Amino acid sequence: MPEQDKYNTGQKLWYLVVILGGLLMGMTGLVMWFGRGTVSAGLFVWCVFLHSAAAVLMTAFTLVHIYLAVMHPLMKAGPDSMRFGYMPEEYLEHHHSKYYKELKAKWE
């Protein structure tokens, strides 16, 4: 696994999908809701397509996120760290090695 910072690549992708997908769904949803009959048919169809595509992408990422958080045996320390405020050093070293090295340098 390549060295990861405080937030690993999966966490960064999750953030982007939630923010960008939410904005896209919000904008297209508003056009579909309030623009019906006032916007062109082509724009309306594109809004429906983009809204649906964002929903599918966000649903897929949500299912993967739930699987990794709840069921994946190597990720158990992640949800535990959110609940209890503690992350085992081995987990931190393996999943966030770049960040771990920065912290270790501060401790020494």
PDB file of N, CA and C in Angstrom:
ATOM      1  N   MET A   1       0.843  -1.169   0.000  1.00  0.00           N
ATOM      2  CA  MET A   1       0.000   0.000   0.000  1.00  0.00           C
ATOM      3  C   MET A   1       0.898   1.245   0.000  1.00  0.00           C
ATOM      4  N   PRO A   2       0.629   2.205  -0.876  1.00  0.00           N
ATOM      5  CA  PRO A   2       1.426   3.437  -0.868  1.00  0.00           C
ATOM      6  C   PRO A   2       1.228   4.191   0.453  1.00  0.00           C
ATOM      7  N   GLU A   3       2.210   5.005   0.811  1.00  0.00           N
ATOM      8  CA  GLU A   3       2.108   5.780   2.045  1.00  0.00           C
ATOM      9  C   GLU A   3       0.906   6.718   1.977  1.00  0.00           C
ATOM     10  N   GLN A   4       0.155   6.751   3.062  1.00  0.00           N
ATOM     11  CA  GLN A   4      -1.037   7.592   3.129  1.00  0.00           C
ATOM     12  C   GLN A   4      -0.865   8.642   4.218  1.00  0.00           C
ATOM     13  N   ASP A   5      -1.498   9.769   4.016  1.00  0.00           N
ATOM     14  CA  ASP A   5      -1.451  10.847   4.988  1.00  0.00           C
ATOM     15  C   ASP A   5      -2.541  10.632   6.051  1.00  0.00           C
ATOM     16  N   LYS A   6      -2.894  11.683   6.768  1.00  0.00           N
ATOM     17  CA  LYS A   6      -3.900  11.568   7.829  1.00  0.00           C
ATOM     18  C   LYS A   6      -5.206  11.003   7.268  1.00  0.00           C
ATOM     19  N   TYR A   7      -5.582  11.449   6.087  1.00  0.00           N
ATOM     20  CA  TYR A   7      -6.774  10.918   5.411  1.00  0.00           C
ATOM     21  C   TYR A   7      -6.283  10.120   4.215  1.00  0.00           C
ATOM     22  N   ASN A   8      -6.654   8.835   4.148  1.00  0.00           N
ATOM     23  CA  ASN A   8      -6.177   8.005   3.046  1.00  0.00           C
ATOM     24  C   ASN A   8      -6.983   8.275   1.778  1.00  0.00           C
ATOM     25  N   THR A   9      -6.590   7.654   0.705  1.00  0.00           N
ATOM     26  CA  THR A   9      -7.216   7.906  -0.591  1.00  0.00           C
ATOM     27  C   THR A   9      -8.706   7.585  -0.575  1.00  0.00           C
ATOM     28  N   GLY A  10      -9.083   6.501   0.067  1.00  0.00           N
ATOM     29  CA  GLY A  10     -10.503   6.144   0.153  1.00  0.00           C
ATOM     30  C   GLY A  10     -11.313   7.191   0.886  1.00  0.00           C
ATOM     31  N   GLN A  11     -10.761   7.724   1.961  1.00  0.00           N
ATOM     32  CA  GLN A  11     -11.461   8.766   2.717  1.00  0.00           C
ATOM     33  C   GLN A  11     -11.607  10.042   1.889  1.00  0.00           C
ATOM     34  N   LYS A  12     -10.574  10.373   1.136  1.00  0.00           N
ATOM     35  CA  LYS A  12     -10.635  11.561   0.284  1.00  0.00           C
ATOM     36  C   LYS A  12     -11.654  11.377  -0.840  1.00  0.00           C
ATOM     37  N   LEU A  13     -11.698  10.176  -1.426  1.00  0.00           N
ATOM     38  CA  LEU A  13     -12.687   9.906  -2.474  1.00  0.00           C
ATOM     39  C   LEU A  13     -14.101   9.956  -1.916  1.00  0.00           C
ATOM     40  N   TRP A  14     -14.299   9.398  -0.728  1.00  0.00           N
ATOM     41  CA  TRP A  14     -15.619   9.424  -0.086  1.00  0.00           C
ATOM     42  C   TRP A  14     -16.078  10.870   0.094  1.00  0.00           C
ATOM     43  N   TYR A  15     -15.180  11.723   0.579  1.00  0.00           N
ATOM     44  CA  TYR A  15     -15.485  13.134   0.783  1.00  0.00           C
ATOM     45  C   TYR A  15     -15.892  13.799  -0.542  1.00  0.00           C
ATOM     46  N   LEU A  16     -15.102  13.568  -1.585  1.00  0.00           N
ATOM     47  CA  LEU A  16     -15.412  14.165  -2.886  1.00  0.00           C
ATOM     48  C   LEU A  16     -16.749  13.692  -3.438  1.00  0.00           C
ATOM     49  N   VAL A  17     -17.010  12.399  -3.328  1.00  0.00           N
ATOM     50  CA  VAL A  17     -18.271  11.860  -3.852  1.00  0.00           C
ATOM     51  C   VAL A  17     -19.461  12.444  -3.093  1.00  0.00           C
ATOM     52  N   VAL A  18     -19.353  12.546  -1.780  1.00  0.00           N
ATOM     53  CA  VAL A  18     -20.461  13.088  -0.983  1.00  0.00           C
ATOM     54  C   VAL A  18     -20.694  14.566  -1.306  1.00  0.00           C
ATOM     55  N   ILE A  19     -19.625  15.353  -1.343  1.00  0.00           N
ATOM     56  CA  ILE A  19     -19.774  16.786  -1.595  1.00  0.00           C
ATOM     57  C   ILE A  19     -20.220  17.053  -3.028  1.00  0.00           C
ATOM     58  N   LEU A  20     -19.473  16.524  -3.999  1.00  0.00           N
ATOM     59  CA  LEU A  20     -19.812  16.801  -5.403  1.00  0.00           C
ATOM     60  C   LEU A  20     -21.119  16.145  -5.819  1.00  0.00           C
ATOM     61  N   GLY A  21     -21.336  14.905  -5.379  1.00  0.00           N
ATOM     62  CA  GLY A  21     -22.597  14.227  -5.699  1.00  0.00           C
ATOM     63  C   GLY A  21     -23.783  14.919  -5.068  1.00  0.00           C
ATOM     64  N   GLY A  22     -23.621  15.364  -3.822  1.00  0.00           N
ATOM     65  CA  GLY A  22     -24.705  16.084  -3.153  1.00  0.00           C
ATOM     66  C   GLY A  22     -25.030  17.398  -3.839  1.00  0.00           C
ATOM     67  N   LEU A  23     -23.987  18.137  -4.230  1.00  0.00           N
ATOM     68  CA  LEU A  23     -24.218  19.388  -4.960  1.00  0.00           C
ATOM     69  C   LEU A  23     -24.895  19.136  -6.301  1.00  0.00           C
ATOM     70  N   LEU A  24     -24.407  18.125  -7.023  1.00  0.00           N
ATOM     71  CA  LEU A  24     -24.996  17.800  -8.327  1.00  0.00           C
ATOM     72  C   LEU A  24     -26.455  17.381  -8.174  1.00  0.00           C
ATOM     73  N   MET A  25     -26.724  16.526  -7.189  1.00  0.00           N
ATOM     74  CA  MET A  25     -28.113  16.097  -6.988  1.00  0.00           C
ATOM     75  C   MET A  25     -28.995  17.266  -6.551  1.00  0.00           C
ATOM     76  N   GLY A  26     -28.445  18.149  -5.728  1.00  0.00           N
ATOM     77  CA  GLY A  26     -29.220  19.316  -5.295  1.00  0.00           C
ATOM     78  C   GLY A  26     -29.553  20.243  -6.449  1.00  0.00           C
ATOM     79  N   MET A  27     -28.546  20.547  -7.281  1.00  0.00           N
ATOM     80  CA  MET A  27     -28.781  21.462  -8.404  1.00  0.00           C
ATOM     81  C   MET A  27     -29.733  20.860  -9.435  1.00  0.00           C
ATOM     82  N   THR A  28     -29.484  19.600  -9.798  1.00  0.00           N
ATOM     83  CA  THR A  28     -30.366  18.990 -10.800  1.00  0.00           C
ATOM     84  C   THR A  28     -31.763  18.755 -10.225  1.00  0.00           C
ATOM     85  N   GLY A  29     -31.839  18.435  -8.943  1.00  0.00           N
ATOM     86  CA  GLY A  29     -33.141  18.250  -8.309  1.00  0.00           C
ATOM     87  C   GLY A  29     -33.954  19.530  -8.299  1.00  0.00           C
ATOM     88  N   LEU A  30     -33.293  20.649  -8.025  1.00  0.00           N
ATOM     89  CA  LEU A  30     -34.009  21.930  -8.051  1.00  0.00           C
ATOM     90  C   LEU A  30     -34.513  22.253  -9.455  1.00  0.00           C
ATOM     91  N   VAL A  31     -33.677  21.990 -10.464  1.00  0.00           N
ATOM     92  CA  VAL A  31     -34.113  22.237 -11.849  1.00  0.00           C
ATOM     93  C   VAL A  31     -35.297  21.340 -12.189  1.00  0.00           C
ATOM     94  N   MET A  32     -35.234  20.072 -11.788  1.00  0.00           N
ATOM     95  CA  MET A  32     -36.340  19.160 -12.111  1.00  0.00           C
ATOM     96  C   MET A  32     -37.603  19.530 -11.337  1.00  0.00           C
ATOM     97  N   TRP A  33     -37.434  19.997 -10.119  1.00  0.00           N
ATOM     98  CA  TRP A  33     -38.586  20.301  -9.283  1.00  0.00           C
ATOM     99  C   TRP A  33     -39.255  21.619  -9.690  1.00  0.00           C
ATOM    100  N   PHE A  34     -38.441  22.676  -9.783  1.00  0.00           N
ATOM    101  CA  PHE A  34     -39.009  23.992 -10.046  1.00  0.00           C
ATOM    102  C   PHE A  34     -38.986  24.389 -11.517  1.00  0.00           C
ATOM    103  N   GLY A  35     -38.188  23.709 -12.324  1.00  0.00           N
ATOM    104  CA  GLY A  35     -38.057  24.097 -13.723  1.00  0.00           C
ATOM    105  C   GLY A  35     -38.951  23.312 -14.677  1.00  0.00           C
ATOM    106  N   ARG A  36     -39.697  22.381 -14.138  1.00  0.00           N
ATOM    107  CA  ARG A  36     -40.548  21.550 -15.000  1.00  0.00           C
ATOM    108  C   ARG A  36     -41.517  22.443 -15.780  1.00  0.00           C
ATOM    109  N   GLY A  37     -41.458  22.327 -17.083  1.00  0.00           N
ATOM    110  CA  GLY A  37     -42.320  23.111 -17.958  1.00  0.00           C
ATOM    111  C   GLY A  37     -41.729  24.451 -18.349  1.00  0.00           C
ATOM    112  N   THR A  38     -40.687  24.901 -17.640  1.00  0.00           N
ATOM    113  CA  THR A  38     -40.084  26.189 -17.984  1.00  0.00           C
ATOM    114  C   THR A  38     -38.709  26.040 -18.624  1.00  0.00           C
ATOM    115  N   VAL A  39     -38.026  24.901 -18.370  1.00  0.00           N
ATOM    116  CA  VAL A  39     -36.727  24.675 -19.003  1.00  0.00           C
ATOM    117  C   VAL A  39     -36.932  23.806 -20.243  1.00  0.00           C
ATOM    118  N   SER A  40     -35.936  23.813 -21.115  1.00  0.00           N
ATOM    119  CA  SER A  40     -36.058  23.016 -22.343  1.00  0.00           C
ATOM    120  C   SER A  40     -36.090  21.525 -22.005  1.00  0.00           C
ATOM    121  N   ALA A  41     -36.678  20.749 -22.894  1.00  0.00           N
ATOM    122  CA  ALA A  41     -36.782  19.302 -22.686  1.00  0.00           C
ATOM    123  C   ALA A  41     -35.390  18.669 -22.621  1.00  0.00           C
ATOM    124  N   GLY A  42     -34.479  19.160 -23.436  1.00  0.00           N
ATOM    125  CA  GLY A  42     -33.112  18.630 -23.432  1.00  0.00           C
ATOM    126  C   GLY A  42     -32.416  18.839 -22.101  1.00  0.00           C
ATOM    127  N   LEU A  43     -32.545  20.037 -21.534  1.00  0.00           N
ATOM    128  CA  LEU A  43     -31.941  20.323 -20.237  1.00  0.00           C
ATOM    129  C   LEU A  43     -32.579  19.462 -19.149  1.00  0.00           C
ATOM    130  N   PHE A  44     -33.886  19.303 -19.229  1.00  0.00           N
ATOM    131  CA  PHE A  44     -34.588  18.494 -18.229  1.00  0.00           C
ATOM    132  C   PHE A  44     -34.111  17.040 -18.271  1.00  0.00           C
ATOM    133  N   VAL A  45     -33.959  16.489 -19.483  1.00  0.00           N
ATOM    134  CA  VAL A  45     -33.499  15.103 -19.635  1.00  0.00           C
ATOM    135  C   VAL A  45     -32.072  14.962 -19.096  1.00  0.00           C
ATOM    136  N   TRP A  46     -31.197  15.933 -19.373  1.00  0.00           N
ATOM    137  CA  TRP A  46     -29.838  15.889 -18.843  1.00  0.00           C
ATOM    138  C   TRP A  46     -29.834  15.960 -17.319  1.00  0.00           C
ATOM    139  N   CYS A  47     -30.712  16.758 -16.767  1.00  0.00           N
ATOM    140  CA  CYS A  47     -30.804  16.851 -15.306  1.00  0.00           C
ATOM    141  C   CYS A  47     -31.247  15.520 -14.710  1.00  0.00           C
ATOM    142  N   VAL A  48     -32.216  14.862 -15.345  1.00  0.00           N
ATOM    143  CA  VAL A  48     -32.666  13.553 -14.861  1.00  0.00           C
ATOM    144  C   VAL A  48     -31.523  12.545 -14.936  1.00  0.00           C
ATOM    145  N   PHE A  49     -30.780  12.546 -16.044  1.00  0.00           N
ATOM    146  CA  PHE A  49     -29.663  11.622 -16.205  1.00  0.00           C
ATOM    147  C   PHE A  49     -28.577  11.874 -15.168  1.00  0.00           C
ATOM    148  N   LEU A  50     -28.153  13.122 -15.018  1.00  0.00           N
ATOM    149  CA  LEU A  50     -27.089  13.453 -14.066  1.00  0.00           C
ATOM    150  C   LEU A  50     -27.522  13.181 -12.628  1.00  0.00           C
ATOM    151  N   HIS A  51     -28.769  13.466 -12.326  1.00  0.00           N
ATOM    152  CA  HIS A  51     -29.310  13.215 -10.992  1.00  0.00           C
ATOM    153  C   HIS A  51     -29.271  11.712 -10.693  1.00  0.00           C
ATOM    154  N   SER A  52     -29.697  10.908 -11.643  1.00  0.00           N
ATOM    155  CA  SER A  52     -29.700   9.455 -11.468  1.00  0.00           C
ATOM    156  C   SER A  52     -28.282   8.896 -11.384  1.00  0.00           C
ATOM    157  N   ALA A  53     -27.387   9.391 -12.232  1.00  0.00           N
ATOM    158  CA  ALA A  53     -25.996   8.920 -12.205  1.00  0.00           C
ATOM    159  C   ALA A  53     -25.336   9.250 -10.866  1.00  0.00           C
ATOM    160  N   ALA A  54     -25.577  10.448 -10.351  1.00  0.00           N
ATOM    161  CA  ALA A  54     -25.020  10.829  -9.051  1.00  0.00           C
ATOM    162  C   ALA A  54     -25.596   9.947  -7.946  1.00  0.00           C
ATOM    163  N   ALA A  55     -26.886   9.642  -8.033  1.00  0.00           N
ATOM    164  CA  ALA A  55     -27.517   8.785  -7.021  1.00  0.00           C
ATOM    165  C   ALA A  55     -26.919   7.382  -7.045  1.00  0.00           C
ATOM    166  N   VAL A  56     -26.695   6.825  -8.228  1.00  0.00           N
ATOM    167  CA  VAL A  56     -26.103   5.491  -8.339  1.00  0.00           C
ATOM    168  C   VAL A  56     -24.682   5.497  -7.784  1.00  0.00           C
ATOM    169  N   LEU A  57     -23.896   6.500  -8.145  1.00  0.00           N
ATOM    170  CA  LEU A  57     -22.512   6.595  -7.667  1.00  0.00           C
ATOM    171  C   LEU A  57     -22.479   6.750  -6.145  1.00  0.00           C
ATOM    172  N   MET A  58     -23.317   7.602  -5.606  1.00  0.00           N
ATOM    173  CA  MET A  58     -23.340   7.813  -4.161  1.00  0.00           C
ATOM    174  C   MET A  58     -23.817   6.560  -3.425  1.00  0.00           C
ATOM    175  N   THR A  59     -24.771   5.850  -3.998  1.00  0.00           N
ATOM    176  CA  THR A  59     -25.240   4.606  -3.383  1.00  0.00           C
ATOM    177  C   THR A  59     -24.138   3.560  -3.376  1.00  0.00           C
ATOM    178  N   ALA A  60     -23.416   3.432  -4.482  1.00  0.00           N
ATOM    179  CA  ALA A  60     -22.318   2.463  -4.548  1.00  0.00           C
ATOM    180  C   ALA A  60     -21.246   2.803  -3.519  1.00  0.00           C
ATOM    181  N   PHE A  61     -20.866   4.065  -3.439  1.00  0.00           N
ATOM    182  CA  PHE A  61     -19.856   4.465  -2.463  1.00  0.00           C
ATOM    183  C   PHE A  61     -20.349   4.268  -1.031  1.00  0.00           C
ATOM    184  N   THR A  62     -21.627   4.507  -0.796  1.00  0.00           N
ATOM    185  CA  THR A  62     -22.193   4.311   0.541  1.00  0.00           C
ATOM    186  C   THR A  62     -22.133   2.837   0.936  1.00  0.00           C
ATOM    187  N   LEU A  63     -22.482   1.948   0.019  1.00  0.00           N
ATOM    188  CA  LEU A  63     -22.431   0.515   0.317  1.00  0.00           C
ATOM    189  C   LEU A  63     -21.007   0.055   0.601  1.00  0.00           C
ATOM    190  N   VAL A  64     -20.049   0.537  -0.180  1.00  0.00           N
ATOM    191  CA  VAL A  64     -18.645   0.193   0.068  1.00  0.00           C
ATOM    192  C   VAL A  64     -18.198   0.766   1.412  1.00  0.00           C
ATOM    193  N   HIS A  65     -18.609   1.982   1.701  1.00  0.00           N
ATOM    194  CA  HIS A  65     -18.250   2.633   2.962  1.00  0.00           C
ATOM    195  C   HIS A  65     -18.800   1.842   4.159  1.00  0.00           C
ATOM    196  N   ILE A  66     -20.034   1.422   4.064  1.00  0.00           N
ATOM    197  CA  ILE A  66     -20.649   0.636   5.151  1.00  0.00           C
ATOM    198  C   ILE A  66     -19.937  -0.707   5.287  1.00  0.00           C
ATOM    199  N   TYR A  67     -19.664  -1.357   4.174  1.00  0.00           N
ATOM    200  CA  TYR A  67     -18.967  -2.644   4.224  1.00  0.00           C
ATOM    201  C   TYR A  67     -17.611  -2.496   4.914  1.00  0.00           C
ATOM    202  N   LEU A  68     -16.829  -1.503   4.486  1.00  0.00           N
ATOM    203  CA  LEU A  68     -15.502  -1.325   5.073  1.00  0.00           C
ATOM    204  C   LEU A  68     -15.578  -0.932   6.549  1.00  0.00           C
ATOM    205  N   ALA A  69     -16.559  -0.139   6.909  1.00  0.00           N
ATOM    206  CA  ALA A  69     -16.666   0.321   8.295  1.00  0.00           C
ATOM    207  C   ALA A  69     -17.180  -0.752   9.233  1.00  0.00           C
ATOM    208  N   VAL A  70     -18.075  -1.599   8.740  1.00  0.00           N
ATOM    209  CA  VAL A  70     -18.750  -2.539   9.641  1.00  0.00           C
ATOM    210  C   VAL A  70     -18.245  -3.969   9.504  1.00  0.00           C
ATOM    211  N   MET A  71     -17.977  -4.420   8.300  1.00  0.00           N
ATOM    212  CA  MET A  71     -17.746  -5.842   8.083  1.00  0.00           C
ATOM    213  C   MET A  71     -16.301  -6.231   7.782  1.00  0.00           C
ATOM    214  N   HIS A  72     -15.527  -5.352   7.209  1.00  0.00           N
ATOM    215  CA  HIS A  72     -14.169  -5.725   6.801  1.00  0.00           C
ATOM    216  C   HIS A  72     -13.286  -5.906   8.033  1.00  0.00           C
ATOM    217  N   PRO A  73     -12.675  -7.071   8.194  1.00  0.00           N
ATOM    218  CA  PRO A  73     -11.926  -7.343   9.429  1.00  0.00           C
ATOM    219  C   PRO A  73     -10.690  -6.463   9.629  1.00  0.00           C
ATOM    220  N   LEU A  74     -10.068  -6.002   8.560  1.00  0.00           N
ATOM    221  CA  LEU A  74      -8.861  -5.181   8.697  1.00  0.00           C
ATOM    222  C   LEU A  74      -9.176  -3.718   9.012  1.00  0.00           C
ATOM    223  N   MET A  75     -10.441  -3.342   8.962  1.00  0.00           N
ATOM    224  CA  MET A  75     -10.817  -1.947   9.175  1.00  0.00           C
ATOM    225  C   MET A  75     -11.493  -1.704  10.518  1.00  0.00           C
ATOM    226  N   LYS A  76     -11.515  -2.706  11.381  1.00  0.00           N
ATOM    227  CA  LYS A  76     -12.224  -2.587  12.651  1.00  0.00           C
ATOM    228  C   LYS A  76     -11.721  -1.420  13.498  1.00  0.00           C
ATOM    229  N   ALA A  77     -10.453  -1.109  13.427  1.00  0.00           N
ATOM    230  CA  ALA A  77      -9.899  -0.028  14.245  1.00  0.00           C
ATOM    231  C   ALA A  77     -10.422   1.343  13.821  1.00  0.00           C
ATOM    232  N   GLY A  78     -10.856   1.490  12.573  1.00  0.00           N
ATOM    233  CA  GLY A  78     -11.370   2.781  12.099  1.00  0.00           C
ATOM    234  C   GLY A  78     -12.608   3.234  12.851  1.00  0.00           C
ATOM    235  N   PRO A  79     -13.705   2.446  12.821  1.00  0.00           N
ATOM    236  CA  PRO A  79     -14.893   2.844  13.582  1.00  0.00           C
ATOM    237  C   PRO A  79     -14.642   2.900  15.088  1.00  0.00           C
ATOM    238  N   ASP A  80     -13.810   2.006  15.597  1.00  0.00           N
ATOM    239  CA  ASP A  80     -13.483   2.048  17.029  1.00  0.00           C
ATOM    240  C   ASP A  80     -12.786   3.353  17.395  1.00  0.00           C
ATOM    241  N   SER A  81     -11.927   3.849  16.513  1.00  0.00           N
ATOM    242  CA  SER A  81     -11.228   5.100  16.804  1.00  0.00           C
ATOM    243  C   SER A  81     -12.204   6.277  16.826  1.00  0.00           C
ATOM    244  N   MET A  82     -13.255   6.227  16.008  1.00  0.00           N
ATOM    245  CA  MET A  82     -14.258   7.288  16.027  1.00  0.00           C
ATOM    246  C   MET A  82     -15.089   7.229  17.308  1.00  0.00           C
ATOM    247  N   ARG A  83     -15.372   6.018  17.778  1.00  0.00           N
ATOM    248  CA  ARG A  83     -16.180   5.867  18.991  1.00  0.00           C
ATOM    249  C   ARG A  83     -15.403   6.160  20.258  1.00  0.00           C
ATOM    250  N   PHE A  84     -14.161   5.676  20.342  1.00  0.00           N
ATOM    251  CA  PHE A  84     -13.421   5.738  21.595  1.00  0.00           C
ATOM    252  C   PHE A  84     -12.266   6.738  21.591  1.00  0.00           C
ATOM    253  N   GLY A  85     -11.947   7.318  20.425  1.00  0.00           N
ATOM    254  CA  GLY A  85     -10.875   8.300  20.355  1.00  0.00           C
ATOM    255  C   GLY A  85      -9.484   7.713  20.435  1.00  0.00           C
ATOM    256  N   TYR A  86      -9.357   6.431  20.167  1.00  0.00           N
ATOM    257  CA  TYR A  86      -8.057   5.764  20.243  1.00  0.00           C
ATOM    258  C   TYR A  86      -7.868   4.919  18.996  1.00  0.00           C
ATOM    259  N   MET A  87      -6.665   4.961  18.428  1.00  0.00           N
ATOM    260  CA  MET A  87      -6.344   4.136  17.275  1.00  0.00           C
ATOM    261  C   MET A  87      -5.062   3.366  17.585  1.00  0.00           C
ATOM    262  N   PRO A  88      -5.072   2.041  17.440  1.00  0.00           N
ATOM    263  CA  PRO A  88      -3.852   1.271  17.702  1.00  0.00           C
ATOM    264  C   PRO A  88      -2.703   1.725  16.801  1.00  0.00           C
ATOM    265  N   GLU A  89      -1.524   1.721  17.356  1.00  0.00           N
ATOM    266  CA  GLU A  89      -0.345   2.191  16.629  1.00  0.00           C
ATOM    267  C   GLU A  89      -0.106   1.363  15.366  1.00  0.00           C
ATOM    268  N   GLU A  90      -0.349   0.051  15.435  1.00  0.00           N
ATOM    269  CA  GLU A  90      -0.130  -0.818  14.269  1.00  0.00           C
ATOM    270  C   GLU A  90      -1.072  -0.443  13.122  1.00  0.00           C
ATOM    271  N   TYR A  91      -2.320  -0.156  13.458  1.00  0.00           N
ATOM    272  CA  TYR A  91      -3.300   0.240  12.436  1.00  0.00           C
ATOM    273  C   TYR A  91      -2.887   1.569  11.805  1.00  0.00           C
ATOM    274  N   LEU A  92      -2.513   2.517  12.636  1.00  0.00           N
ATOM    275  CA  LEU A  92      -2.090   3.821  12.145  1.00  0.00           C
ATOM    276  C   LEU A  92      -0.866   3.690  11.243  1.00  0.00           C
ATOM    277  N   GLU A  93       0.084   2.873  11.646  1.00  0.00           N
ATOM    278  CA  GLU A  93       1.292   2.680  10.852  1.00  0.00           C
ATOM    279  C   GLU A  93       0.981   2.039   9.499  1.00  0.00           C
ATOM    280  N   HIS A  94       0.046   1.101   9.471  1.00  0.00           N
ATOM    281  CA  HIS A  94      -0.274   0.404   8.227  1.00  0.00           C
ATOM    282  C   HIS A  94      -1.172   1.229   7.302  1.00  0.00           C
ATOM    283  N   HIS A  95      -2.194   1.884   7.849  1.00  0.00           N
ATOM    284  CA  HIS A  95      -3.181   2.567   7.019  1.00  0.00           C
ATOM    285  C   HIS A  95      -2.873   4.044   6.761  1.00  0.00           C
ATOM    286  N   HIS A  96      -2.064   4.653   7.606  1.00  0.00           N
ATOM    287  CA  HIS A  96      -1.745   6.073   7.469  1.00  0.00           C
ATOM    288  C   HIS A  96      -0.247   6.277   7.735  1.00  0.00           C
ATOM    289  N   SER A  97       0.590   5.562   6.992  1.00  0.00           N
ATOM    290  CA  SER A  97       2.023   5.500   7.306  1.00  0.00           C
ATOM    291  C   SER A  97       2.721   6.857   7.225  1.00  0.00           C
ATOM    292  N   LYS A  98       2.376   7.678   6.261  1.00  0.00           N
ATOM    293  CA  LYS A  98       3.003   8.990   6.146  1.00  0.00           C
ATOM    294  C   LYS A  98       2.673   9.844   7.374  1.00  0.00           C
ATOM    295  N   TYR A  99       1.421   9.838   7.767  1.00  0.00           N
ATOM    296  CA  TYR A  99       0.978  10.573   8.957  1.00  0.00           C
ATOM    297  C   TYR A  99       1.620   9.992  10.214  1.00  0.00           C
ATOM    298  N   TYR A 100       1.718   8.669  10.260  1.00  0.00           N
ATOM    299  CA  TYR A 100       2.343   8.001  11.411  1.00  0.00           C
ATOM    300  C   TYR A 100       3.795   8.459  11.575  1.00  0.00           C
ATOM    301  N   LYS A 101       4.524   8.539  10.462  1.00  0.00           N
ATOM    302  CA  LYS A 101       5.922   8.972  10.518  1.00  0.00           C
ATOM    303  C   LYS A 101       6.048  10.412  10.999  1.00  0.00           C
ATOM    304  N   GLU A 102       5.099  11.268  10.561  1.00  0.00           N
ATOM    305  CA  GLU A 102       5.103  12.659  11.024  1.00  0.00           C
ATOM    306  C   GLU A 102       4.853  12.728  12.533  1.00  0.00           C
ATOM    307  N   LEU A 103       3.889  11.960  13.019  1.00  0.00           N
ATOM    308  CA  LEU A 103       3.599  11.940  14.455  1.00  0.00           C
ATOM    309  C   LEU A 103       4.779  11.379  15.241  1.00  0.00           C
ATOM    310  N   LYS A 104       5.357  10.312  14.727  1.00  0.00           N
ATOM    311  CA  LYS A 104       6.483   9.684  15.408  1.00  0.00           C
ATOM    312  C   LYS A 104       7.659  10.654  15.530  1.00  0.00           C
ATOM    313  N   ALA A 105       7.886  11.447  14.470  1.00  0.00           N
ATOM    314  CA  ALA A 105       8.969  12.419  14.511  1.00  0.00           C
ATOM    315  C   ALA A 105       8.703  13.505  15.564  1.00  0.00           C
ATOM    316  N   LYS A 106       7.430  13.874  15.731  1.00  0.00           N
ATOM    317  CA  LYS A 106       7.073  14.867  16.755  1.00  0.00           C
ATOM    318  C   LYS A 106       7.265  14.299  18.165  1.00  0.00           C
ATOM    319  N   TRP A 107       6.991  12.998  18.335  1.00  0.00           N
ATOM    320  CA  TRP A 107       7.087  12.362  19.657  1.00  0.00           C
ATOM    321  C   TRP A 107       8.535  12.225  20.099  1.00  0.00           C
ATOM    322  N   GLU A 108       9.444  12.103  19.132  1.00  0.00           N
ATOM    323  CA  GLU A 108      10.864  11.865  19.478  1.00  0.00           C
ATOM    324  C   GLU A 108      11.598  13.126  19.785  1.00  0.00           C
TER     325      GLU A 108
END
